[in-house]
């Protein structure tokens, strides 16, 4: 009889002991999770937020966004391009091959027009007497120009920056920005010049720049 009672007490004590171990284990896990969560919040609080500002932004709705060599001609030397009326702000350059045929063109200033301008080919030296019979045509589109400055201490990856027009059509900054120094980061104190070609934002009023929880907006003029 006493043996049975002793066994029952022993089993009961074992069950109580196991239950207490389970409780202690659960309490330990809960405390550990709270500590980890608290440490994460402290670490996040120690990390400065990105800070930046859009200094200005404008849209040109009749900018020259592309050039097509419709006739390469011959007898040219490398030279420059301009609008036939020499107005509107467009400029460009071209290069030629061994026969003097135009093989590539580059826009150096997009200008702004109500209709696509005729393009004049200006040789750096005298062209062939027949003027080479080259021909280049222009196509118009929207171009957004914006200047922005990283005013904080955080280096921001271009891939982490997003552009919005009137809060719509999110566009990754790195997909439309060309770095002049072949960098993929926006450094503290650095100012960037955005030339967003063929942006298709006619009729929109505001440009916004967002990175993380920060955003800066400015009116398009």
C-alpha atoms as a PDB file:
ATOM      1  CA  UNK A   1       0.000   0.000   0.000  1.00  0.00           C
ATOM      2  CA  UNK A   2       2.777   2.347   1.013  1.00  0.00           C
ATOM      3  CA  UNK A   3       4.700   1.378  -2.113  1.00  0.00           C
ATOM      4  CA  UNK A   4       1.733   2.313  -4.316  1.00  0.00           C
ATOM      5  CA  UNK A   5       1.332   5.649  -2.560  1.00  0.00           C
ATOM      6  CA  UNK A   6       5.030   6.349  -2.936  1.00  0.00           C
ATOM      7  CA  UNK A   7       4.869   5.549  -6.610  1.00  0.00           C
ATOM      8  CA  UNK A   8       1.830   7.806  -7.065  1.00  0.00           C
ATOM      9  CA  UNK A   9       3.589  10.644  -5.268  1.00  0.00           C
ATOM     10  CA  UNK A  10       6.670  10.112  -7.414  1.00  0.00           C
ATOM     11  CA  UNK A  11       4.694  10.157 -10.639  1.00  0.00           C
ATOM     12  CA  UNK A  12       2.795  13.211  -9.507  1.00  0.00           C
ATOM     13  CA  UNK A  13       6.022  14.965  -8.657  1.00  0.00           C
ATOM     14  CA  UNK A  14       7.448  14.053 -12.040  1.00  0.00           C
ATOM     15  CA  UNK A  15       4.381  15.450 -13.823  1.00  0.00           C
ATOM     16  CA  UNK A  16       4.565  18.664 -11.817  1.00  0.00           C
ATOM     17  CA  UNK A  17       8.265  18.927 -12.562  1.00  0.00           C
ATOM     18  CA  UNK A  18       7.757  18.435 -16.286  1.00  0.00           C
ATOM     19  CA  UNK A  19       4.910  20.978 -16.285  1.00  0.00           C
ATOM     20  CA  UNK A  20       7.125  23.530 -14.554  1.00  0.00           C
ATOM     21  CA  UNK A  21       9.901  22.893 -17.085  1.00  0.00           C
ATOM     22  CA  UNK A  22       7.429  23.482 -19.932  1.00  0.00           C
ATOM     23  CA  UNK A  23       6.244  26.705 -18.288  1.00  0.00           C
ATOM     24  CA  UNK A  24       9.818  27.861 -17.730  1.00  0.00           C
ATOM     25  CA  UNK A  25      10.708  27.006 -21.343  1.00  0.00           C
ATOM     26  CA  UNK A  26       7.753  28.971 -22.702  1.00  0.00           C
ATOM     27  CA  UNK A  27       8.569  31.907 -20.442  1.00  0.00           C
ATOM     28  CA  UNK A  28      12.205  31.815 -21.568  1.00  0.00           C
ATOM     29  CA  UNK A  29      11.202  31.820 -25.240  1.00  0.00           C
ATOM     30  CA  UNK A  30       8.796  34.711 -24.685  1.00  0.00           C
ATOM     31  CA  UNK A  31      11.447  36.744 -22.856  1.00  0.00           C
ATOM     32  CA  UNK A  32      14.033  35.953 -25.562  1.00  0.00           C
ATOM     33  CA  UNK A  33      11.643  37.100 -28.305  1.00  0.00           C
ATOM     34  CA  UNK A  34      10.924  40.332 -26.425  1.00  0.00           C
ATOM     35  CA  UNK A  35      14.650  40.975 -25.979  1.00  0.00           C
ATOM     36  CA  UNK A  36      15.354  40.313 -29.690  1.00  0.00           C
ATOM     37  CA  UNK A  37      12.464  42.552 -30.736  1.00  0.00           C
ATOM     38  CA  UNK A  38      13.649  45.291 -28.405  1.00  0.00           C
ATOM     39  CA  UNK A  39      17.210  45.051 -29.731  1.00  0.00           C
ATOM     40  CA  UNK A  40      15.910  45.253 -33.325  1.00  0.00           C
ATOM     41  CA  UNK A  41      13.955  48.406 -32.474  1.00  0.00           C
ATOM     42  CA  UNK A  42      17.004  49.938 -30.802  1.00  0.00           C
ATOM     43  CA  UNK A  43      19.164  49.084 -33.821  1.00  0.00           C
ATOM     44  CA  UNK A  44      16.606  50.577 -36.217  1.00  0.00           C
ATOM     45  CA  UNK A  45      16.345  53.703 -34.068  1.00  0.00           C
ATOM     46  CA  UNK A  46      20.130  54.115 -34.270  1.00  0.00           C
ATOM     47  CA  UNK A  47      20.059  54.052 -38.080  1.00  0.00           C
ATOM     48  CA  UNK A  48      19.487  57.550 -39.548  1.00  0.00           C
ATOM     49  CA  UNK A  49      16.692  58.021 -42.065  1.00  0.00           C
ATOM     50  CA  UNK A  50      17.469  59.248 -45.606  1.00  0.00           C
ATOM     51  CA  UNK A  51      16.868  62.949 -46.110  1.00  0.00           C
ATOM     52  CA  UNK A  52      16.739  64.647 -49.507  1.00  0.00           C
ATOM     53  CA  UNK A  53      15.080  67.502 -51.366  1.00  0.00           C
ATOM     54  CA  UNK A  54      13.902  68.191 -54.911  1.00  0.00           C
ATOM     55  CA  UNK A  55      15.398  71.590 -55.711  1.00  0.00           C
ATOM     56  CA  UNK A  56      13.477  72.201 -58.956  1.00  0.00           C
ATOM     57  CA  UNK A  57      11.654  70.332 -61.720  1.00  0.00           C
ATOM     58  CA  UNK A  58      10.364  71.280 -65.144  1.00  0.00           C
ATOM     59  CA  UNK A  59       8.770  69.497 -68.074  1.00  0.00           C
ATOM     60  CA  UNK A  60       9.411  70.198 -71.743  1.00  0.00           C
ATOM     61  CA  UNK A  61       6.577  68.649 -73.746  1.00  0.00           C
ATOM     62  CA  UNK A  62       8.115  69.240 -77.189  1.00  0.00           C
ATOM     63  CA  UNK A  63      11.687  68.120 -76.618  1.00  0.00           C
ATOM     64  CA  UNK A  64      13.703  66.262 -79.250  1.00  0.00           C
ATOM     65  CA  UNK A  65      13.982  62.775 -77.719  1.00  0.00           C
ATOM     66  CA  UNK A  66      15.357  60.825 -80.685  1.00  0.00           C
ATOM     67  CA  UNK A  67      17.091  61.263 -84.028  1.00  0.00           C
ATOM     68  CA  UNK A  68      16.914  58.988 -87.051  1.00  0.00           C
ATOM     69  CA  UNK A  69      19.523  58.884 -89.806  1.00  0.00           C
ATOM     70  CA  UNK A  70      17.245  58.673 -92.842  1.00  0.00           C
ATOM     71  CA  UNK A  71      20.143  59.165 -95.290  1.00  0.00           C
ATOM     72  CA  UNK A  72      23.763  58.622 -94.269  1.00  0.00           C
ATOM     73  CA  UNK A  73      25.216  60.595 -97.180  1.00  0.00           C
ATOM     74  CA  UNK A  74      28.953  60.638 -97.882  1.00  0.00           C
ATOM     75  CA  UNK A  75      31.867  63.047 -97.877  1.00  0.00           C
ATOM     76  CA  UNK A  76      31.116  64.390 -94.392  1.00  0.00           C
ATOM     77  CA  UNK A  77      33.509  64.952 -91.514  1.00  0.00           C
ATOM     78  CA  UNK A  78      32.516  64.720 -87.857  1.00  0.00           C
ATOM     79  CA  UNK A  79      30.463  67.736 -86.903  1.00  0.00           C
ATOM     80  CA  UNK A  80      27.448  69.158 -85.108  1.00  0.00           C
ATOM     81  CA  UNK A  81      23.667  69.303 -85.560  1.00  0.00           C
ATOM     82  CA  UNK A  82      21.245  72.186 -85.060  1.00  0.00           C
ATOM     83  CA  UNK A  83      17.691  73.095 -85.923  1.00  0.00           C
ATOM     84  CA  UNK A  84      17.265  74.628 -89.366  1.00  0.00           C
ATOM     85  CA  UNK A  85      15.929  77.828 -87.789  1.00  0.00           C
ATOM     86  CA  UNK A  86      18.687  77.819 -85.150  1.00  0.00           C
ATOM     87  CA  UNK A  87      16.013  78.304 -82.462  1.00  0.00           C
ATOM     88  CA  UNK A  88      14.329  76.176 -79.814  1.00  0.00           C
ATOM     89  CA  UNK A  89      17.489  75.018 -78.084  1.00  0.00           C
ATOM     90  CA  UNK A  90      18.264  71.741 -79.880  1.00  0.00           C
ATOM     91  CA  UNK A  91      21.892  70.798 -80.484  1.00  0.00           C
ATOM     92  CA  UNK A  92      23.627  67.547 -81.311  1.00  0.00           C
ATOM     93  CA  UNK A  93      26.716  65.924 -82.765  1.00  0.00           C
ATOM     94  CA  UNK A  94      27.379  63.264 -85.385  1.00  0.00           C
ATOM     95  CA  UNK A  95      30.241  60.990 -86.387  1.00  0.00           C
ATOM     96  CA  UNK A  96      31.123  59.463 -89.747  1.00  0.00           C
ATOM     97  CA  UNK A  97      32.855  56.379 -91.129  1.00  0.00           C
ATOM     98  CA  UNK A  98      35.756  56.185 -93.575  1.00  0.00           C
ATOM     99  CA  UNK A  99      33.583  57.177 -96.539  1.00  0.00           C
ATOM    100  CA  UNK A 100      32.190  60.205 -94.733  1.00  0.00           C
ATOM    101  CA  UNK A 101      28.774  58.584 -94.189  1.00  0.00           C
ATOM    102  CA  UNK A 102      26.972  59.555 -90.976  1.00  0.00           C
ATOM    103  CA  UNK A 103      26.914  56.511 -88.685  1.00  0.00           C
ATOM    104  CA  UNK A 104      25.871  57.887 -85.282  1.00  0.00           C
ATOM    105  CA  UNK A 105      24.170  60.910 -83.767  1.00  0.00           C
ATOM    106  CA  UNK A 106      24.003  62.227 -80.197  1.00  0.00           C
ATOM    107  CA  UNK A 107      21.605  64.789 -78.711  1.00  0.00           C
ATOM    108  CA  UNK A 108      23.492  67.278 -76.533  1.00  0.00           C
ATOM    109  CA  UNK A 109      20.490  69.555 -75.833  1.00  0.00           C
ATOM    110  CA  UNK A 110      16.893  68.420 -76.357  1.00  0.00           C
ATOM    111  CA  UNK A 111      15.326  71.838 -76.850  1.00  0.00           C
ATOM    112  CA  UNK A 112      11.584  72.468 -76.857  1.00  0.00           C
ATOM    113  CA  UNK A 113       9.303  72.746 -79.911  1.00  0.00           C
ATOM    114  CA  UNK A 114       5.662  72.768 -80.971  1.00  0.00           C
ATOM    115  CA  UNK A 115       6.568  70.675 -84.046  1.00  0.00           C
ATOM    116  CA  UNK A 116       9.592  68.556 -84.872  1.00  0.00           C
ATOM    117  CA  UNK A 117      12.319  70.827 -86.280  1.00  0.00           C
ATOM    118  CA  UNK A 118      14.267  70.195 -89.446  1.00  0.00           C
ATOM    119  CA  UNK A 119      17.839  69.241 -88.609  1.00  0.00           C
ATOM    120  CA  UNK A 120      20.845  70.900 -90.243  1.00  0.00           C
ATOM    121  CA  UNK A 121      24.161  69.021 -90.546  1.00  0.00           C
ATOM    122  CA  UNK A 122      27.099  71.312 -89.776  1.00  0.00           C
ATOM    123  CA  UNK A 123      30.510  69.939 -90.813  1.00  0.00           C
ATOM    124  CA  UNK A 124      33.553  70.640 -88.678  1.00  0.00           C
ATOM    125  CA  UNK A 125      35.412  71.233 -91.961  1.00  0.00           C
ATOM    126  CA  UNK A 126      34.151  71.766 -95.514  1.00  0.00           C
ATOM    127  CA  UNK A 127      31.649  69.091 -96.613  1.00  0.00           C
ATOM    128  CA  UNK A 128      31.415  67.572-100.063  1.00  0.00           C
ATOM    129  CA  UNK A 129      30.303  70.038-102.718  1.00  0.00           C
ATOM    130  CA  UNK A 130      26.901  68.347-102.948  1.00  0.00           C
ATOM    131  CA  UNK A 131      26.515  68.746 -99.172  1.00  0.00           C
ATOM    132  CA  UNK A 132      26.750  64.969 -98.759  1.00  0.00           C
ATOM    133  CA  UNK A 133      23.019  64.336 -99.276  1.00  0.00           C
ATOM    134  CA  UNK A 134      22.653  63.248 -95.659  1.00  0.00           C
ATOM    135  CA  UNK A 135      19.363  63.591 -93.827  1.00  0.00           C
ATOM    136  CA  UNK A 136      18.435  63.347 -90.135  1.00  0.00           C
ATOM    137  CA  UNK A 137      14.906  63.578 -88.727  1.00  0.00           C
ATOM    138  CA  UNK A 138      13.817  64.401 -85.184  1.00  0.00           C
ATOM    139  CA  UNK A 139      11.010  63.004 -83.024  1.00  0.00           C
ATOM    140  CA  UNK A 140       9.473  64.900 -80.108  1.00  0.00           C
ATOM    141  CA  UNK A 141       8.419  63.741 -76.653  1.00  0.00           C
ATOM    142  CA  UNK A 142       8.278  64.728 -72.980  1.00  0.00           C
ATOM    143  CA  UNK A 143      11.435  65.376 -70.994  1.00  0.00           C
ATOM    144  CA  UNK A 144      11.444  66.038 -67.255  1.00  0.00           C
ATOM    145  CA  UNK A 145      14.424  67.910 -65.827  1.00  0.00           C
ATOM    146  CA  UNK A 146      14.971  67.892 -62.066  1.00  0.00           C
ATOM    147  CA  UNK A 147      17.751  68.743 -59.627  1.00  0.00           C
ATOM    148  CA  UNK A 148      17.898  67.016 -56.245  1.00  0.00           C
ATOM    149  CA  UNK A 149      20.247  66.929 -53.258  1.00  0.00           C
ATOM    150  CA  UNK A 150      20.927  64.257 -50.642  1.00  0.00           C
ATOM    151  CA  UNK A 151      20.819  66.443 -47.511  1.00  0.00           C
ATOM    152  CA  UNK A 152      21.227  63.608 -44.991  1.00  0.00           C
ATOM    153  CA  UNK A 153      24.050  61.308 -43.893  1.00  0.00           C
ATOM    154  CA  UNK A 154      22.687  58.139 -45.529  1.00  0.00           C
ATOM    155  CA  UNK A 155      23.994  56.787 -48.849  1.00  0.00           C
ATOM    156  CA  UNK A 156      20.968  55.772 -50.951  1.00  0.00           C
ATOM    157  CA  UNK A 157      21.066  53.171 -53.712  1.00  0.00           C
ATOM    158  CA  UNK A 158      19.541  54.352 -56.997  1.00  0.00           C
ATOM    159  CA  UNK A 159      17.516  51.106 -57.013  1.00  0.00           C
ATOM    160  CA  UNK A 160      15.831  52.179 -53.753  1.00  0.00           C
ATOM    161  CA  UNK A 161      14.553  55.470 -55.178  1.00  0.00           C
ATOM    162  CA  UNK A 162      11.170  55.794 -56.913  1.00  0.00           C
ATOM    163  CA  UNK A 163       9.667  58.552 -59.036  1.00  0.00           C
ATOM    164  CA  UNK A 164       5.951  59.411 -59.132  1.00  0.00           C
ATOM    165  CA  UNK A 165       3.967  61.968 -61.118  1.00  0.00           C
ATOM    166  CA  UNK A 166       0.866  63.116 -59.215  1.00  0.00           C
ATOM    167  CA  UNK A 167       1.341  60.065 -57.002  1.00  0.00           C
ATOM    168  CA  UNK A 168       0.892  57.636 -59.925  1.00  0.00           C
ATOM    169  CA  UNK A 169       2.935  55.335 -62.164  1.00  0.00           C
ATOM    170  CA  UNK A 170       5.839  54.432 -59.885  1.00  0.00           C
ATOM    171  CA  UNK A 171       9.101  54.420 -61.877  1.00  0.00           C
ATOM    172  CA  UNK A 172      12.388  53.138 -60.483  1.00  0.00           C
ATOM    173  CA  UNK A 173      14.919  55.971 -60.496  1.00  0.00           C
ATOM    174  CA  UNK A 174      17.746  53.759 -61.783  1.00  0.00           C
ATOM    175  CA  UNK A 175      15.729  52.895 -64.918  1.00  0.00           C
ATOM    176  CA  UNK A 176      15.628  56.524 -66.128  1.00  0.00           C
ATOM    177  CA  UNK A 177      18.732  58.104 -64.588  1.00  0.00           C
ATOM    178  CA  UNK A 178      22.194  57.989 -66.162  1.00  0.00           C
ATOM    179  CA  UNK A 179      25.015  58.668 -63.732  1.00  0.00           C
ATOM    180  CA  UNK A 180      27.790  60.951 -64.962  1.00  0.00           C
ATOM    181  CA  UNK A 181      30.280  59.202 -62.651  1.00  0.00           C
ATOM    182  CA  UNK A 182      29.153  55.589 -63.241  1.00  0.00           C
ATOM    183  CA  UNK A 183      27.850  55.240 -59.687  1.00  0.00           C
ATOM    184  CA  UNK A 184      24.784  53.353 -58.445  1.00  0.00           C
ATOM    185  CA  UNK A 185      24.577  55.316 -55.180  1.00  0.00           C
ATOM    186  CA  UNK A 186      23.410  58.764 -54.097  1.00  0.00           C
ATOM    187  CA  UNK A 187      25.951  60.007 -51.554  1.00  0.00           C
ATOM    188  CA  UNK A 188      25.529  62.430 -48.681  1.00  0.00           C
ATOM    189  CA  UNK A 189      25.728  66.027 -49.926  1.00  0.00           C
ATOM    190  CA  UNK A 190      25.620  64.948 -53.591  1.00  0.00           C
ATOM    191  CA  UNK A 191      23.342  66.748 -56.061  1.00  0.00           C
ATOM    192  CA  UNK A 192      21.951  64.842 -59.037  1.00  0.00           C
ATOM    193  CA  UNK A 193      20.619  66.156 -62.347  1.00  0.00           C
ATOM    194  CA  UNK A 194      17.774  64.026 -63.739  1.00  0.00           C
ATOM    195  CA  UNK A 195      16.977  64.108 -67.450  1.00  0.00           C
ATOM    196  CA  UNK A 196      13.968  61.791 -67.771  1.00  0.00           C
ATOM    197  CA  UNK A 197      13.562  61.152 -71.504  1.00  0.00           C
ATOM    198  CA  UNK A 198      10.178  60.412 -73.086  1.00  0.00           C
ATOM    199  CA  UNK A 199       8.593  60.526 -69.647  1.00  0.00           C
ATOM    200  CA  UNK A 200       5.000  60.624 -71.021  1.00  0.00           C
ATOM    201  CA  UNK A 201       3.815  62.860 -68.193  1.00  0.00           C
ATOM    202  CA  UNK A 202       1.942  65.489 -70.209  1.00  0.00           C
ATOM    203  CA  UNK A 203      -0.817  67.046 -68.113  1.00  0.00           C
ATOM    204  CA  UNK A 204       0.675  66.058 -64.754  1.00  0.00           C
ATOM    205  CA  UNK A 205       1.457  68.686 -62.147  1.00  0.00           C
ATOM    206  CA  UNK A 206       3.775  67.277 -59.463  1.00  0.00           C
ATOM    207  CA  UNK A 207       6.928  65.180 -59.355  1.00  0.00           C
ATOM    208  CA  UNK A 208       7.673  63.130 -56.245  1.00  0.00           C
ATOM    209  CA  UNK A 209      10.825  61.320 -55.174  1.00  0.00           C
ATOM    210  CA  UNK A 210      10.575  58.535 -52.570  1.00  0.00           C
ATOM    211  CA  UNK A 211      13.194  56.456 -50.752  1.00  0.00           C
ATOM    212  CA  UNK A 212      12.246  54.336 -47.762  1.00  0.00           C
ATOM    213  CA  UNK A 213       9.817  56.260 -45.583  1.00  0.00           C
ATOM    214  CA  UNK A 214      10.905  59.631 -46.972  1.00  0.00           C
ATOM    215  CA  UNK A 215       9.360  61.559 -49.866  1.00  0.00           C
ATOM    216  CA  UNK A 216       9.911  64.947 -51.481  1.00  0.00           C
ATOM    217  CA  UNK A 217       7.541  66.590 -53.975  1.00  0.00           C
ATOM    218  CA  UNK A 218       7.682  69.626 -56.204  1.00  0.00           C
ATOM    219  CA  UNK A 219       5.512  71.298 -58.821  1.00  0.00           C
ATOM    220  CA  UNK A 220       6.382  70.648 -62.467  1.00  0.00           C
ATOM    221  CA  UNK A 221       6.768  73.947 -64.307  1.00  0.00           C
END
